[in-house]
């Protein structure tokens, strides 16, 4: 059979080709060839995609960090995952990512442009760090990353009303401003001493940059902490003239162990004290009028208090006259009715060997004689437009709060303190408050501040001229103020909510945040109405004694309710432990305090400081170290005269003279500790 086929333009092909019919076997061979060709093409295509994916995977790796569109993970040298961060504010478009040297950057998410990069830094052989930055280019879009905390135990962040060590997260919390707050009156907020720094038991640390409008949330079901940057619905503000484009930037560093990575982070990112407070502050207790007399203080009571300190043969670093020695809040002169001869009182106290400090605060109430002049001179924090002073409510009334970004307000406040010093010989001051929750939600200051907690920093700077003996209860980037910091008032109760059990976790947390000169509040707590364990106005006797014993091993001791309010036995126990503090604890603390100026290392340390690979040590919240060689284990339970004690490996000698030469950690079960004892062990 022949077939005529169309030819070129205008004609037909006359040389025809005969077409033969394929056999059945031939058709099978051709079909197989086609299928084979398709398979080869598919294989080549798959191989190309595989090679491309390998190149992309290699592109999205930097050292021990693996990036994907939804977040990243970091591994340690052994290959184990030690850190995971998920992106909650967008999905990266990986086709927009590139790598140049140690910087991995991306230009968009799946729906918008952004600036994103991760830079690898190796500052030393044992530390690997990653600088992470996610910057939005469109105003009022928040940036949120979610850190998984299930891989390890975590420490740091802020003091809290219910303090645990390590951090214990419960419930769900949408991200809220990470700013200083008074947690006595706002118990669900972050505390008055905080830094955006966290440390984990798997030798990983994260430090949020100070420029970030930082909000923190959490979810205990997902085991995540939410790190968010935003300006909308927030007290944070962009710099003047800048669009409110949020940026979340931070550093994640991984080291060999938890102690060494913390040492690196403190040396690299924290302020450090530039001097050590007065030696006597470490050696002799402070005596405050507050818990004993509250606002009912007067000249007669101050003199009687001082006389009893001498009568019962106690030492005193200084006597602290607390709240309500003035007629009104915001004045700086003694109430002539309560203190008819303040000058004579100071002369008598000086003759008896007492230095005196005064309670002070940043508020000027509206009924104070100073209120009108402060308004006229523009010394207060103002409402957002800047035209009117902002009235604020605090625990002693309503008034203005001094604007410590304003040089005039600083000078005025400083002149009042200098006047008290020159007129009466006041040695120093107890600077109360300073937290940002006493600012209006929206406010303006003479010098604009983008982070409300910077107000706390400015307030703490007022203590610098008096830092030999000054006392602060709030701090933010304030480690170099170089004075004593105390946690918020404790209740006279046993538990973790501002009670005795909260004391060690709180002190350890403050220490990890870089504040080493710690005054652990008043022995026995503040004896507030309805927040005191016991049947009288005084704290429970056993609670008071256990609190006293623990305080003796802190950097400084502070009495208010005096031991003679109980009985002679309590007085003798108090004498015993103030003497022990002076002879054993203070010399060691002073030695460590001298090192803090150079290193920033804690004076009061967790047990894992010397037992870095010990899972049990990571969780112990009722024992602590002073330096590396003095371990303390107080009794913190009512009705107990024994406790379980965990001894890290080493050579230890107990306060009873027992020796423990152990190559593995040792549990001492039901170790006997009488009411007038506290268990402690010295490294031999």
Foldseek 3Di string as FASTA:
>chain_A
DWDWDADDPPDTDPDTDDDDDDDPVVVVVVVVVVVVVVVVVVVVVVVVVVVVVVVLQVFQDAVQWGDAQFWIFGADPVGHTDKTKGWDQFGFPSVQWGDDDQKIWGADGPPGGWTWIWGWDDPDPFKIKIKTKTWFPDFFRKTKMKIADVNFFKFFFAAALQFAFRDDDDAWDDWAFSFADPCVVVRVHGHQAGAQKMFTLQQKIKHWDPQFRWTWIDHVVRRIIMTMGGDPPALFDDDPPDGRIGMTIMMMMGGDFRQVSLLVCCQPPADFAQDAAALVQQQFAEAEQPLVQNQNAALVVQVVVLVVCVVLPGDHPAYEYEPHQPPAAPDQDGDCVRYVDLQVSLVVCVVVPHAYAYEHEQWDAPPHPCQVVCQVVVQFWPAQVSPGFDWFADPRGIGTGGQLVDPVNLVVVLVSVVVCCVRRVHLAYEYEDLTLVRPPRGTAGPDGDRRSNVSSLSSLLSRLVRQSAYEYAHDDSNNHSNHEYEHRFAFLDQRSRSYPLVQQSSQQNSLSNLRARYEHDAQSTSLDPPRAPDDDSGHDPLSSLLSLQVNLQHSGYYHHPDQVVDPPVSSVLNVVSSVCSNPPRSVLLVVVSVCSSPRSHHQKAQPCSVVSPDPVSSRDRQKIDRPNWKIWHTDRDPPAQFAKDKAAAAWKAKPVGDIDHGRHIDIDGRHGHGSSGTIMIGGD
